[in-house]
């Protein structure tokens, strides 16, 4: 099972992790922690996140 998982990871790229940026946020606690701990690949304004997800999913 582990060998199958390792092979799958080689074929498919890792998912992109997106968080809302600080500027329009009312409460920025959770995204701030995710960014600080390296759990976010990029951060965008809320109105751009859905479009970014659609664009990145087209590459799969």
C-alpha atoms as a PDB file:
ATOM      1  CA  UNK A   1       0.000   0.000   0.000  1.00  0.00           C
ATOM      2  CA  UNK A   2       2.800   2.426   0.820  1.00  0.00           C
ATOM      3  CA  UNK A   3       4.434   1.754  -2.551  1.00  0.00           C
ATOM      4  CA  UNK A   4       1.167   2.558  -4.338  1.00  0.00           C
ATOM      5  CA  UNK A   5       0.859   5.827  -2.416  1.00  0.00           C
ATOM      6  CA  UNK A   6       4.457   6.785  -3.212  1.00  0.00           C
ATOM      7  CA  UNK A   7       3.873   6.110  -6.919  1.00  0.00           C
ATOM      8  CA  UNK A   8       0.668   8.188  -6.907  1.00  0.00           C
ATOM      9  CA  UNK A   9       2.535  11.107  -5.330  1.00  0.00           C
ATOM     10  CA  UNK A  10       5.164  10.952  -8.112  1.00  0.00           C
ATOM     11  CA  UNK A  11       2.538  11.133 -10.859  1.00  0.00           C
ATOM     12  CA  UNK A  12       0.253  13.823  -9.411  1.00  0.00           C
ATOM     13  CA  UNK A  13       1.609  17.145  -8.188  1.00  0.00           C
ATOM     14  CA  UNK A  14       0.911  18.189  -4.629  1.00  0.00           C
ATOM     15  CA  UNK A  15      -2.260  20.236  -4.115  1.00  0.00           C
ATOM     16  CA  UNK A  16      -1.983  23.996  -3.900  1.00  0.00           C
ATOM     17  CA  UNK A  17      -3.007  25.494  -0.573  1.00  0.00           C
ATOM     18  CA  UNK A  18      -4.556  28.960  -0.710  1.00  0.00           C
ATOM     19  CA  UNK A  19      -5.554  31.249   2.165  1.00  0.00           C
ATOM     20  CA  UNK A  20      -7.307  34.597   2.319  1.00  0.00           C
ATOM     21  CA  UNK A  21      -4.905  37.508   2.669  1.00  0.00           C
ATOM     22  CA  UNK A  22      -4.968  39.923   5.587  1.00  0.00           C
ATOM     23  CA  UNK A  23      -6.189  43.127   3.907  1.00  0.00           C
ATOM     24  CA  UNK A  24      -9.935  42.354   3.591  1.00  0.00           C
ATOM     25  CA  UNK A  25     -10.132  39.990   6.577  1.00  0.00           C
ATOM     26  CA  UNK A  26     -12.229  40.864   9.593  1.00  0.00           C
ATOM     27  CA  UNK A  27     -10.546  38.112  11.619  1.00  0.00           C
ATOM     28  CA  UNK A  28      -7.158  36.933  10.327  1.00  0.00           C
ATOM     29  CA  UNK A  29      -6.191  34.442  13.071  1.00  0.00           C
ATOM     30  CA  UNK A  30      -6.488  31.094  11.282  1.00  0.00           C
ATOM     31  CA  UNK A  31      -4.998  32.158   7.910  1.00  0.00           C
ATOM     32  CA  UNK A  32      -2.189  33.960   9.766  1.00  0.00           C
ATOM     33  CA  UNK A  33      -1.244  30.784  11.647  1.00  0.00           C
ATOM     34  CA  UNK A  34      -1.422  28.642   8.507  1.00  0.00           C
ATOM     35  CA  UNK A  35       0.864  31.087   6.677  1.00  0.00           C
ATOM     36  CA  UNK A  36       3.274  31.311   9.643  1.00  0.00           C
ATOM     37  CA  UNK A  37       3.559  27.514   9.854  1.00  0.00           C
ATOM     38  CA  UNK A  38       4.214  27.139   6.114  1.00  0.00           C
ATOM     39  CA  UNK A  39       0.886  25.475   5.373  1.00  0.00           C
ATOM     40  CA  UNK A  40      -0.085  27.897   2.594  1.00  0.00           C
ATOM     41  CA  UNK A  41       1.413  28.141  -0.884  1.00  0.00           C
ATOM     42  CA  UNK A  42      -0.092  31.549  -1.642  1.00  0.00           C
ATOM     43  CA  UNK A  43      -2.594  33.968  -0.186  1.00  0.00           C
ATOM     44  CA  UNK A  44      -5.161  35.938  -2.160  1.00  0.00           C
ATOM     45  CA  UNK A  45      -8.113  38.284  -1.600  1.00  0.00           C
ATOM     46  CA  UNK A  46     -11.310  36.335  -0.943  1.00  0.00           C
ATOM     47  CA  UNK A  47     -12.872  37.279  -4.287  1.00  0.00           C
ATOM     48  CA  UNK A  48      -9.916  35.760  -6.189  1.00  0.00           C
ATOM     49  CA  UNK A  49      -9.673  32.392  -4.413  1.00  0.00           C
ATOM     50  CA  UNK A  50     -12.438  30.606  -6.353  1.00  0.00           C
ATOM     51  CA  UNK A  51     -10.979  31.670  -9.714  1.00  0.00           C
ATOM     52  CA  UNK A  52      -7.514  30.561  -8.632  1.00  0.00           C
ATOM     53  CA  UNK A  53      -8.814  27.140  -7.599  1.00  0.00           C
ATOM     54  CA  UNK A  54     -10.551  26.700 -10.960  1.00  0.00           C
ATOM     55  CA  UNK A  55      -7.398  27.647 -12.869  1.00  0.00           C
ATOM     56  CA  UNK A  56      -5.137  25.316 -10.875  1.00  0.00           C
ATOM     57  CA  UNK A  57      -7.586  22.401 -11.221  1.00  0.00           C
ATOM     58  CA  UNK A  58      -7.545  22.695 -15.022  1.00  0.00           C
ATOM     59  CA  UNK A  59      -3.919  21.511 -15.040  1.00  0.00           C
ATOM     60  CA  UNK A  60      -4.853  18.058 -13.652  1.00  0.00           C
END
